[in-house]
N, C-alpha and C. Protein backbone atom coordinates (compact mmCIF):
# COMPACT_ATOMS: atom_id res chain seq x y z
N MET A 1 -12.71 56.46 -11.86
CA MET A 1 -12.37 55.08 -12.10
C MET A 1 -11.35 55.02 -13.23
N PRO A 2 -10.23 54.26 -13.03
CA PRO A 2 -9.21 54.20 -14.07
C PRO A 2 -9.71 53.42 -15.28
N ARG A 3 -9.23 53.84 -16.43
CA ARG A 3 -9.60 53.18 -17.67
C ARG A 3 -8.69 51.98 -17.90
N PRO A 4 -9.21 50.92 -18.53
CA PRO A 4 -8.36 49.77 -18.82
C PRO A 4 -7.24 50.16 -19.77
N PRO A 5 -6.10 49.49 -19.68
CA PRO A 5 -4.98 49.81 -20.58
C PRO A 5 -5.33 49.48 -22.02
N GLN A 6 -4.63 50.18 -22.94
CA GLN A 6 -4.86 49.92 -24.36
C GLN A 6 -4.12 48.67 -24.78
N ASN A 7 -4.69 47.99 -25.77
CA ASN A 7 -4.07 46.81 -26.34
C ASN A 7 -2.97 47.25 -27.28
N PRO A 8 -1.68 46.91 -26.98
CA PRO A 8 -0.58 47.37 -27.84
C PRO A 8 -0.65 46.77 -29.24
N ALA A 9 -1.25 45.60 -29.39
CA ALA A 9 -1.34 44.98 -30.70
C ALA A 9 -2.37 45.68 -31.58
N LYS A 10 -3.37 46.28 -30.96
CA LYS A 10 -4.42 46.96 -31.72
C LYS A 10 -4.65 48.33 -31.09
N PRO A 11 -3.92 49.35 -31.55
CA PRO A 11 -4.06 50.69 -30.96
C PRO A 11 -5.51 51.16 -30.99
N GLY A 12 -5.91 51.81 -29.94
CA GLY A 12 -7.26 52.33 -29.85
C GLY A 12 -8.24 51.34 -29.22
N ARG A 13 -7.85 50.11 -29.10
CA ARG A 13 -8.70 49.08 -28.48
C ARG A 13 -8.27 48.88 -27.04
N ARG A 14 -9.22 48.75 -26.18
CA ARG A 14 -8.96 48.55 -24.76
C ARG A 14 -8.77 47.05 -24.47
N VAL A 15 -7.91 46.76 -23.52
CA VAL A 15 -7.70 45.39 -23.07
C VAL A 15 -8.75 45.09 -22.01
N ARG A 16 -9.43 44.00 -22.19
CA ARG A 16 -10.43 43.59 -21.21
C ARG A 16 -9.71 42.89 -20.06
N GLU A 17 -9.91 43.41 -18.87
CA GLU A 17 -9.25 42.81 -17.72
C GLU A 17 -10.12 41.69 -17.19
N THR A 18 -9.56 40.50 -17.19
CA THR A 18 -10.27 39.34 -16.68
C THR A 18 -9.34 38.55 -15.78
N ALA A 19 -9.94 37.72 -14.98
CA ALA A 19 -9.15 36.83 -14.14
C ALA A 19 -8.51 35.78 -15.04
N PRO A 20 -7.37 35.27 -14.63
CA PRO A 20 -6.76 34.23 -15.44
C PRO A 20 -7.70 33.03 -15.54
N PRO A 21 -7.66 32.31 -16.66
CA PRO A 21 -8.57 31.18 -16.82
C PRO A 21 -8.31 30.12 -15.75
N VAL A 22 -9.38 29.49 -15.30
CA VAL A 22 -9.25 28.44 -14.31
C VAL A 22 -8.96 27.15 -15.06
N ARG A 23 -7.89 26.52 -14.69
CA ARG A 23 -7.46 25.29 -15.35
C ARG A 23 -7.90 24.11 -14.50
N PRO A 24 -8.50 23.09 -15.10
CA PRO A 24 -8.85 21.92 -14.30
C PRO A 24 -7.60 21.35 -13.63
N LEU A 25 -7.78 20.81 -12.44
CA LEU A 25 -6.64 20.29 -11.70
C LEU A 25 -5.95 19.14 -12.41
N ARG A 26 -6.73 18.22 -12.99
CA ARG A 26 -6.15 17.06 -13.64
C ARG A 26 -6.73 16.94 -15.04
N GLN A 27 -6.08 17.51 -16.03
CA GLN A 27 -6.60 17.45 -17.38
C GLN A 27 -6.30 16.12 -18.04
N ARG A 28 -5.08 15.65 -17.96
CA ARG A 28 -4.72 14.38 -18.57
C ARG A 28 -3.43 13.87 -17.95
N ALA A 29 -3.16 12.62 -18.22
CA ALA A 29 -1.95 12.02 -17.67
C ALA A 29 -0.73 12.67 -18.29
N ARG A 30 0.24 12.99 -17.46
CA ARG A 30 1.50 13.55 -17.95
C ARG A 30 2.62 12.72 -17.35
N PRO A 31 3.72 12.61 -18.06
CA PRO A 31 4.84 11.90 -17.46
C PRO A 31 5.20 12.55 -16.13
N GLY A 32 5.33 11.73 -15.10
CA GLY A 32 5.67 12.25 -13.79
C GLY A 32 4.49 12.84 -13.03
N ALA A 33 3.28 12.75 -13.58
CA ALA A 33 2.11 13.28 -12.89
C ALA A 33 1.89 12.49 -11.60
N ALA A 34 1.46 13.18 -10.56
CA ALA A 34 1.30 12.56 -9.25
C ALA A 34 0.18 11.51 -9.27
N ARG A 35 -0.88 11.78 -9.96
CA ARG A 35 -2.02 10.88 -9.94
C ARG A 35 -2.68 10.90 -11.31
N PRO A 36 -3.02 9.72 -11.85
CA PRO A 36 -3.67 9.71 -13.16
C PRO A 36 -5.08 10.28 -13.08
N THR A 37 -5.55 10.76 -14.22
CA THR A 37 -6.90 11.31 -14.28
C THR A 37 -7.93 10.20 -14.21
N ARG A 38 -9.17 10.58 -14.01
CA ARG A 38 -10.28 9.62 -13.99
C ARG A 38 -10.35 8.87 -15.32
N SER A 39 -10.20 9.59 -16.40
CA SER A 39 -10.25 8.98 -17.73
C SER A 39 -9.11 7.98 -17.90
N THR A 40 -7.91 8.37 -17.47
CA THR A 40 -6.76 7.47 -17.53
C THR A 40 -7.05 6.21 -16.72
N GLU A 41 -7.60 6.38 -15.53
CA GLU A 41 -7.93 5.23 -14.69
C GLU A 41 -8.96 4.33 -15.36
N ASP A 42 -9.99 4.94 -15.98
CA ASP A 42 -11.02 4.14 -16.67
C ASP A 42 -10.40 3.31 -17.79
N TYR A 43 -9.58 3.93 -18.59
CA TYR A 43 -8.95 3.21 -19.70
C TYR A 43 -8.05 2.09 -19.18
N LEU A 44 -7.21 2.40 -18.21
CA LEU A 44 -6.29 1.39 -17.69
C LEU A 44 -7.04 0.24 -17.02
N GLU A 45 -8.12 0.56 -16.32
CA GLU A 45 -8.93 -0.47 -15.69
C GLU A 45 -9.50 -1.42 -16.75
N ARG A 46 -10.06 -0.86 -17.81
CA ARG A 46 -10.66 -1.70 -18.86
C ARG A 46 -9.62 -2.48 -19.64
N ILE A 47 -8.48 -1.85 -19.93
CA ILE A 47 -7.40 -2.55 -20.64
C ILE A 47 -6.90 -3.70 -19.77
N GLY A 48 -6.73 -3.45 -18.49
CA GLY A 48 -6.30 -4.51 -17.57
C GLY A 48 -7.30 -5.65 -17.52
N GLU A 49 -8.60 -5.33 -17.49
CA GLU A 49 -9.63 -6.37 -17.49
C GLU A 49 -9.56 -7.22 -18.76
N LEU A 50 -9.38 -6.56 -19.91
CA LEU A 50 -9.28 -7.30 -21.17
C LEU A 50 -8.07 -8.23 -21.17
N ILE A 51 -6.94 -7.73 -20.73
CA ILE A 51 -5.72 -8.55 -20.69
C ILE A 51 -5.91 -9.72 -19.74
N ASP A 52 -6.52 -9.47 -18.59
CA ASP A 52 -6.75 -10.54 -17.62
C ASP A 52 -7.71 -11.60 -18.18
N ARG A 53 -8.70 -11.16 -18.92
CA ARG A 53 -9.73 -12.07 -19.42
C ARG A 53 -9.29 -12.84 -20.66
N GLN A 54 -8.65 -12.15 -21.63
CA GLN A 54 -8.35 -12.81 -22.89
C GLN A 54 -6.87 -12.82 -23.27
N GLY A 55 -6.04 -12.25 -22.39
CA GLY A 55 -4.61 -12.29 -22.63
C GLY A 55 -4.07 -11.15 -23.46
N PHE A 56 -4.93 -10.32 -23.99
CA PHE A 56 -4.52 -9.18 -24.82
C PHE A 56 -5.62 -8.14 -24.83
N ALA A 57 -5.29 -6.95 -25.29
CA ALA A 57 -6.27 -5.88 -25.47
C ALA A 57 -5.96 -5.18 -26.78
N ARG A 58 -7.00 -4.91 -27.53
CA ARG A 58 -6.86 -4.18 -28.79
C ARG A 58 -7.71 -2.92 -28.72
N VAL A 59 -7.36 -1.96 -29.55
CA VAL A 59 -8.07 -0.68 -29.58
C VAL A 59 -9.56 -0.90 -29.79
N GLY A 60 -9.91 -1.77 -30.72
CA GLY A 60 -11.33 -2.02 -31.01
C GLY A 60 -12.07 -2.59 -29.81
N ASP A 61 -11.41 -3.46 -29.05
CA ASP A 61 -12.04 -4.04 -27.86
C ASP A 61 -12.28 -2.96 -26.80
N VAL A 62 -11.29 -2.11 -26.62
CA VAL A 62 -11.41 -1.03 -25.62
C VAL A 62 -12.54 -0.07 -26.04
N ALA A 63 -12.60 0.26 -27.32
CA ALA A 63 -13.65 1.15 -27.83
C ALA A 63 -15.03 0.55 -27.57
N ALA A 64 -15.17 -0.75 -27.81
CA ALA A 64 -16.47 -1.40 -27.60
C ALA A 64 -16.87 -1.38 -26.13
N ILE A 65 -15.94 -1.67 -25.24
CA ILE A 65 -16.25 -1.70 -23.81
C ILE A 65 -16.61 -0.31 -23.28
N LEU A 66 -15.84 0.69 -23.69
CA LEU A 66 -16.07 2.05 -23.18
C LEU A 66 -17.12 2.81 -23.99
N GLU A 67 -17.57 2.19 -25.10
CA GLU A 67 -18.58 2.80 -25.96
C GLU A 67 -18.13 4.17 -26.49
N VAL A 68 -16.89 4.18 -27.01
CA VAL A 68 -16.34 5.38 -27.64
C VAL A 68 -15.77 4.97 -28.99
N SER A 69 -15.41 5.95 -29.81
CA SER A 69 -14.90 5.64 -31.14
C SER A 69 -13.46 5.12 -31.06
N GLN A 70 -13.07 4.36 -32.09
CA GLN A 70 -11.70 3.86 -32.14
C GLN A 70 -10.68 4.99 -32.22
N PRO A 71 -10.93 6.06 -32.99
CA PRO A 71 -9.97 7.17 -32.99
C PRO A 71 -9.79 7.81 -31.60
N SER A 72 -10.87 7.86 -30.81
CA SER A 72 -10.75 8.39 -29.45
C SER A 72 -9.86 7.49 -28.60
N VAL A 73 -10.03 6.19 -28.75
CA VAL A 73 -9.21 5.25 -28.00
C VAL A 73 -7.75 5.37 -28.45
N THR A 74 -7.53 5.46 -29.75
CA THR A 74 -6.17 5.59 -30.27
C THR A 74 -5.48 6.82 -29.69
N ALA A 75 -6.20 7.93 -29.65
CA ALA A 75 -5.63 9.17 -29.09
C ALA A 75 -5.27 8.99 -27.61
N MET A 76 -6.17 8.36 -26.85
CA MET A 76 -5.90 8.15 -25.44
C MET A 76 -4.76 7.15 -25.24
N VAL A 77 -4.74 6.11 -26.06
CA VAL A 77 -3.67 5.12 -25.96
C VAL A 77 -2.31 5.77 -26.21
N GLN A 78 -2.25 6.68 -27.15
CA GLN A 78 -1.00 7.39 -27.42
C GLN A 78 -0.59 8.23 -26.20
N ARG A 79 -1.56 8.88 -25.55
CA ARG A 79 -1.26 9.65 -24.34
C ARG A 79 -0.81 8.73 -23.19
N LEU A 80 -1.47 7.57 -23.08
CA LEU A 80 -1.09 6.61 -22.04
C LEU A 80 0.33 6.10 -22.27
N ALA A 81 0.67 5.87 -23.54
CA ALA A 81 2.03 5.43 -23.87
C ALA A 81 3.04 6.52 -23.52
N GLU A 82 2.71 7.78 -23.87
CA GLU A 82 3.59 8.91 -23.52
C GLU A 82 3.74 9.04 -22.01
N GLY A 83 2.66 8.72 -21.27
CA GLY A 83 2.69 8.82 -19.81
C GLY A 83 3.38 7.64 -19.14
N GLY A 84 3.79 6.66 -19.95
CA GLY A 84 4.51 5.51 -19.40
C GLY A 84 3.61 4.43 -18.83
N TYR A 85 2.32 4.43 -19.20
CA TYR A 85 1.37 3.46 -18.67
C TYR A 85 1.23 2.20 -19.53
N LEU A 86 1.57 2.30 -20.81
CA LEU A 86 1.45 1.12 -21.66
C LEU A 86 2.36 1.21 -22.86
N HIS A 87 2.54 0.07 -23.50
CA HIS A 87 3.28 0.00 -24.76
C HIS A 87 2.24 -0.21 -25.84
N TYR A 88 2.37 0.56 -26.93
CA TYR A 88 1.40 0.49 -28.01
C TYR A 88 2.12 0.50 -29.34
N GLU A 89 1.80 -0.47 -30.15
CA GLU A 89 2.28 -0.48 -31.53
C GLU A 89 1.06 -0.54 -32.42
N LYS A 90 1.06 0.31 -33.43
CA LYS A 90 -0.07 0.37 -34.33
C LYS A 90 -0.36 -1.02 -34.90
N TYR A 91 -1.65 -1.37 -34.90
CA TYR A 91 -2.14 -2.66 -35.42
C TYR A 91 -1.69 -3.85 -34.59
N ARG A 92 -1.21 -3.61 -33.41
CA ARG A 92 -0.84 -4.69 -32.49
C ARG A 92 -1.58 -4.48 -31.18
N GLY A 93 -1.44 -5.41 -30.28
CA GLY A 93 -2.10 -5.30 -28.99
C GLY A 93 -1.47 -4.28 -28.07
N LEU A 94 -2.17 -4.01 -26.98
CA LEU A 94 -1.72 -3.07 -25.96
C LEU A 94 -1.15 -3.88 -24.80
N MET A 95 -0.04 -3.44 -24.28
CA MET A 95 0.57 -4.08 -23.12
C MET A 95 0.78 -3.04 -22.03
N LEU A 96 0.31 -3.33 -20.83
CA LEU A 96 0.50 -2.42 -19.71
C LEU A 96 1.93 -2.48 -19.21
N THR A 97 2.47 -1.32 -18.86
CA THR A 97 3.76 -1.27 -18.19
C THR A 97 3.52 -1.58 -16.72
N ALA A 98 4.57 -1.64 -15.93
CA ALA A 98 4.41 -1.86 -14.49
C ALA A 98 3.57 -0.74 -13.88
N ALA A 99 3.80 0.49 -14.33
CA ALA A 99 3.01 1.63 -13.80
C ALA A 99 1.55 1.50 -14.21
N GLY A 100 1.29 1.12 -15.45
CA GLY A 100 -0.08 0.94 -15.93
C GLY A 100 -0.79 -0.19 -15.20
N ARG A 101 -0.07 -1.30 -14.98
CA ARG A 101 -0.65 -2.44 -14.26
C ARG A 101 -0.95 -2.05 -12.82
N ALA A 102 -0.09 -1.25 -12.21
CA ALA A 102 -0.30 -0.81 -10.83
C ALA A 102 -1.58 0.01 -10.71
N VAL A 103 -1.81 0.93 -11.66
CA VAL A 103 -3.03 1.74 -11.64
C VAL A 103 -4.24 0.85 -11.87
N ALA A 104 -4.17 -0.04 -12.88
CA ALA A 104 -5.30 -0.93 -13.18
C ALA A 104 -5.64 -1.80 -11.97
N ASP A 105 -4.63 -2.34 -11.32
CA ASP A 105 -4.87 -3.19 -10.14
C ASP A 105 -5.45 -2.39 -8.98
N ARG A 106 -4.96 -1.16 -8.80
CA ARG A 106 -5.47 -0.32 -7.71
C ARG A 106 -6.95 -0.02 -7.93
N ILE A 107 -7.33 0.31 -9.16
CA ILE A 107 -8.73 0.61 -9.45
C ILE A 107 -9.58 -0.66 -9.31
N LYS A 108 -9.06 -1.79 -9.74
CA LYS A 108 -9.78 -3.05 -9.60
C LYS A 108 -10.02 -3.35 -8.11
N ASP A 109 -9.00 -3.15 -7.28
CA ASP A 109 -9.14 -3.38 -5.84
C ASP A 109 -10.16 -2.43 -5.23
N ARG A 110 -10.13 -1.16 -5.65
CA ARG A 110 -11.11 -0.19 -5.16
C ARG A 110 -12.52 -0.64 -5.53
N HIS A 111 -12.66 -1.07 -6.78
CA HIS A 111 -13.97 -1.51 -7.29
C HIS A 111 -14.49 -2.68 -6.44
N LEU A 112 -13.63 -3.66 -6.19
CA LEU A 112 -14.04 -4.83 -5.41
C LEU A 112 -14.38 -4.46 -3.97
N THR A 113 -13.63 -3.55 -3.38
CA THR A 113 -13.91 -3.11 -2.02
C THR A 113 -15.26 -2.41 -1.95
N LEU A 114 -15.50 -1.51 -2.89
CA LEU A 114 -16.78 -0.79 -2.90
C LEU A 114 -17.94 -1.75 -3.16
N LYS A 115 -17.75 -2.70 -4.05
CA LYS A 115 -18.80 -3.68 -4.35
C LYS A 115 -19.11 -4.50 -3.10
N ARG A 116 -18.08 -4.93 -2.42
CA ARG A 116 -18.26 -5.71 -1.19
C ARG A 116 -19.05 -4.91 -0.15
N PHE A 117 -18.66 -3.66 0.04
CA PHE A 117 -19.33 -2.81 1.03
C PHE A 117 -20.79 -2.56 0.65
N LEU A 118 -21.03 -2.18 -0.60
CA LEU A 118 -22.40 -1.86 -1.02
C LEU A 118 -23.29 -3.10 -1.03
N SER A 119 -22.73 -4.26 -1.33
CA SER A 119 -23.54 -5.48 -1.30
C SER A 119 -23.93 -5.83 0.13
N LEU A 120 -23.07 -5.52 1.12
CA LEU A 120 -23.43 -5.73 2.52
C LEU A 120 -24.64 -4.88 2.91
N LEU A 121 -24.77 -3.74 2.27
CA LEU A 121 -25.90 -2.86 2.57
C LEU A 121 -27.19 -3.35 1.91
N GLY A 122 -27.06 -4.35 1.04
CA GLY A 122 -28.25 -4.92 0.41
C GLY A 122 -28.70 -4.19 -0.84
N LEU A 123 -27.82 -3.41 -1.44
CA LEU A 123 -28.19 -2.67 -2.65
C LEU A 123 -28.17 -3.59 -3.86
N ASP A 124 -29.06 -3.33 -4.83
CA ASP A 124 -29.12 -4.16 -6.04
C ASP A 124 -27.88 -3.91 -6.91
N GLU A 125 -27.62 -4.86 -7.82
CA GLU A 125 -26.43 -4.83 -8.67
C GLU A 125 -26.29 -3.53 -9.46
N GLN A 126 -27.37 -3.08 -10.08
CA GLN A 126 -27.28 -1.88 -10.91
C GLN A 126 -26.95 -0.64 -10.09
N THR A 127 -27.56 -0.51 -8.92
CA THR A 127 -27.26 0.62 -8.04
C THR A 127 -25.80 0.55 -7.60
N GLN A 128 -25.34 -0.66 -7.27
CA GLN A 128 -23.94 -0.81 -6.88
C GLN A 128 -23.00 -0.35 -7.99
N GLU A 129 -23.22 -0.84 -9.21
CA GLU A 129 -22.32 -0.49 -10.32
C GLU A 129 -22.37 1.00 -10.63
N ASP A 130 -23.56 1.60 -10.61
CA ASP A 130 -23.68 3.04 -10.87
C ASP A 130 -22.92 3.84 -9.82
N ASP A 131 -23.10 3.47 -8.55
CA ASP A 131 -22.43 4.19 -7.47
C ASP A 131 -20.92 3.98 -7.49
N ILE A 132 -20.51 2.75 -7.77
CA ILE A 132 -19.08 2.45 -7.80
C ILE A 132 -18.39 3.27 -8.87
N GLU A 133 -18.98 3.38 -10.05
CA GLU A 133 -18.37 4.17 -11.13
C GLU A 133 -18.16 5.61 -10.70
N GLY A 134 -19.07 6.15 -9.91
CA GLY A 134 -18.91 7.52 -9.43
C GLY A 134 -17.89 7.65 -8.32
N TRP A 135 -17.80 6.64 -7.47
CA TRP A 135 -16.95 6.73 -6.28
C TRP A 135 -15.52 6.29 -6.49
N GLU A 136 -15.30 5.27 -7.32
CA GLU A 136 -13.99 4.62 -7.33
C GLU A 136 -12.84 5.54 -7.70
N HIS A 137 -13.12 6.63 -8.39
CA HIS A 137 -12.05 7.54 -8.82
C HIS A 137 -11.86 8.72 -7.88
N CYS A 138 -12.83 8.97 -7.02
CA CYS A 138 -12.72 10.20 -6.23
C CYS A 138 -12.50 9.97 -4.73
N LEU A 139 -12.71 8.77 -4.25
CA LEU A 139 -12.47 8.51 -2.83
C LEU A 139 -10.98 8.31 -2.57
N SER A 140 -10.54 8.81 -1.45
CA SER A 140 -9.13 8.68 -1.10
C SER A 140 -8.81 7.24 -0.72
N ALA A 141 -7.54 6.91 -0.73
CA ALA A 141 -7.10 5.57 -0.31
C ALA A 141 -7.49 5.32 1.14
N ALA A 142 -7.42 6.36 1.97
CA ALA A 142 -7.78 6.20 3.38
C ALA A 142 -9.26 5.86 3.52
N THR A 143 -10.12 6.49 2.73
CA THR A 143 -11.55 6.21 2.79
C THR A 143 -11.84 4.79 2.33
N ILE A 144 -11.20 4.37 1.24
CA ILE A 144 -11.38 3.01 0.74
C ILE A 144 -10.95 2.01 1.81
N GLU A 145 -9.84 2.28 2.47
CA GLU A 145 -9.35 1.39 3.52
C GLU A 145 -10.34 1.32 4.69
N CYS A 146 -10.92 2.46 5.05
CA CYS A 146 -11.92 2.47 6.13
C CYS A 146 -13.17 1.68 5.73
N LEU A 147 -13.60 1.81 4.47
CA LEU A 147 -14.76 1.05 4.01
C LEU A 147 -14.48 -0.45 4.02
N SER A 148 -13.27 -0.81 3.66
CA SER A 148 -12.86 -2.22 3.71
C SER A 148 -12.88 -2.72 5.16
N ASP A 149 -12.35 -1.92 6.07
CA ASP A 149 -12.36 -2.28 7.49
C ASP A 149 -13.79 -2.39 8.01
N LEU A 150 -14.66 -1.49 7.59
CA LEU A 150 -16.06 -1.54 8.01
C LEU A 150 -16.74 -2.79 7.46
N ALA A 151 -16.44 -3.14 6.23
CA ALA A 151 -16.99 -4.38 5.65
C ALA A 151 -16.51 -5.59 6.46
N ASP A 152 -15.22 -5.62 6.81
CA ASP A 152 -14.70 -6.71 7.64
C ASP A 152 -15.46 -6.77 8.97
N PHE A 153 -15.65 -5.61 9.58
CA PHE A 153 -16.34 -5.51 10.86
C PHE A 153 -17.76 -6.06 10.75
N LEU A 154 -18.48 -5.65 9.72
CA LEU A 154 -19.87 -6.10 9.55
C LEU A 154 -19.95 -7.59 9.22
N GLU A 155 -19.02 -8.07 8.41
CA GLU A 155 -19.01 -9.50 8.07
C GLU A 155 -18.72 -10.36 9.30
N ALA A 156 -17.92 -9.85 10.23
CA ALA A 156 -17.60 -10.58 11.44
C ALA A 156 -18.72 -10.50 12.48
N ARG A 157 -19.67 -9.61 12.26
CA ARG A 157 -20.78 -9.41 13.20
C ARG A 157 -22.11 -9.43 12.44
N PRO A 158 -22.51 -10.60 11.98
CA PRO A 158 -23.74 -10.67 11.18
C PRO A 158 -24.98 -10.16 11.92
N GLU A 159 -24.98 -10.24 13.26
CA GLU A 159 -26.13 -9.74 14.01
C GLU A 159 -26.28 -8.22 13.85
N LEU A 160 -25.16 -7.49 13.79
CA LEU A 160 -25.22 -6.04 13.57
C LEU A 160 -25.72 -5.73 12.16
N LEU A 161 -25.22 -6.49 11.20
CA LEU A 161 -25.64 -6.30 9.81
C LEU A 161 -27.14 -6.58 9.68
N GLN A 162 -27.60 -7.62 10.32
CA GLN A 162 -29.02 -7.97 10.27
C GLN A 162 -29.86 -6.87 10.94
N ALA A 163 -29.37 -6.35 12.07
CA ALA A 163 -30.08 -5.26 12.76
C ALA A 163 -30.15 -4.03 11.86
N PHE A 164 -29.04 -3.74 11.17
CA PHE A 164 -29.04 -2.59 10.26
C PHE A 164 -30.04 -2.80 9.13
N ARG A 165 -29.98 -3.96 8.52
CA ARG A 165 -30.89 -4.24 7.40
C ARG A 165 -32.35 -4.21 7.86
N GLY A 166 -32.63 -4.70 9.05
CA GLY A 166 -34.00 -4.65 9.58
C GLY A 166 -34.46 -3.21 9.80
N ARG A 167 -33.56 -2.37 10.30
CA ARG A 167 -33.87 -0.96 10.49
C ARG A 167 -34.13 -0.29 9.16
N GLU A 168 -33.38 -0.66 8.17
CA GLU A 168 -33.53 -0.08 6.83
C GLU A 168 -34.93 -0.35 6.28
N ARG A 169 -35.41 -1.57 6.48
CA ARG A 169 -36.74 -1.91 5.99
C ARG A 169 -37.81 -1.13 6.74
N VAL A 170 -37.63 -0.94 8.04
CA VAL A 170 -38.59 -0.16 8.83
C VAL A 170 -38.63 1.27 8.31
N VAL A 171 -37.48 1.85 8.06
CA VAL A 171 -37.41 3.22 7.55
C VAL A 171 -38.10 3.29 6.18
N ALA A 172 -37.84 2.30 5.31
CA ALA A 172 -38.44 2.29 3.97
C ALA A 172 -39.96 2.20 4.09
N ARG A 173 -40.47 1.33 4.98
CA ARG A 173 -41.94 1.20 5.15
C ARG A 173 -42.51 2.49 5.68
N ARG A 174 -41.82 3.11 6.64
CA ARG A 174 -42.30 4.35 7.22
C ARG A 174 -42.37 5.45 6.15
N SER A 175 -41.35 5.52 5.30
CA SER A 175 -41.32 6.53 4.23
C SER A 175 -42.42 6.30 3.21
N SER A 176 -42.66 5.05 2.82
CA SER A 176 -43.69 4.78 1.82
C SER A 176 -45.09 4.98 2.38
N SER A 177 -45.29 4.71 3.67
CA SER A 177 -46.62 4.88 4.24
C SER A 177 -46.95 6.34 4.50
N SER A 178 -45.93 7.19 4.63
CA SER A 178 -46.20 8.60 4.87
C SER A 178 -46.34 9.40 3.58
N GLY A 179 -46.20 8.72 2.42
CA GLY A 179 -46.40 9.38 1.14
C GLY A 179 -45.17 10.07 0.59
N ARG A 180 -44.02 9.84 1.17
CA ARG A 180 -42.78 10.45 0.68
C ARG A 180 -42.24 9.75 -0.50
């Protein structure tokens, strides 16, 4: 078996052969990046909500909503500004660029579509919100569109929705009576 090559920086020491490190696919937003990261989407969604609700967004408001420290928000805001998603001036409000507003609106639309679909299934508010937070960033646009179409289909056919919901209750009763 061949011996590993020696480390030229430290004679007598062997170089450990390892596979190159695996880099996450989407670490952070970069100028020209094809798709923003989940974290970028979360920040832009919340900043957009604040602007829509009160006309402005400040670092402290974003920190409170996301339950993170103000320095963490400041660091992310600087990255978002570098990525072309918002304009930021220290001690002033945050303003979304057209690109930032587009991402915020896309995530808002995804959220509303998922909420509409999950509410048709009869899920409680907390379950809906928990599931939406997990899904809204990872489902493809095609999947979201199909879920929207399915929601339209079910809303136009209340008898099918009622039949589904009735079946769901039968399954739930069957599961609880069998001790599962």
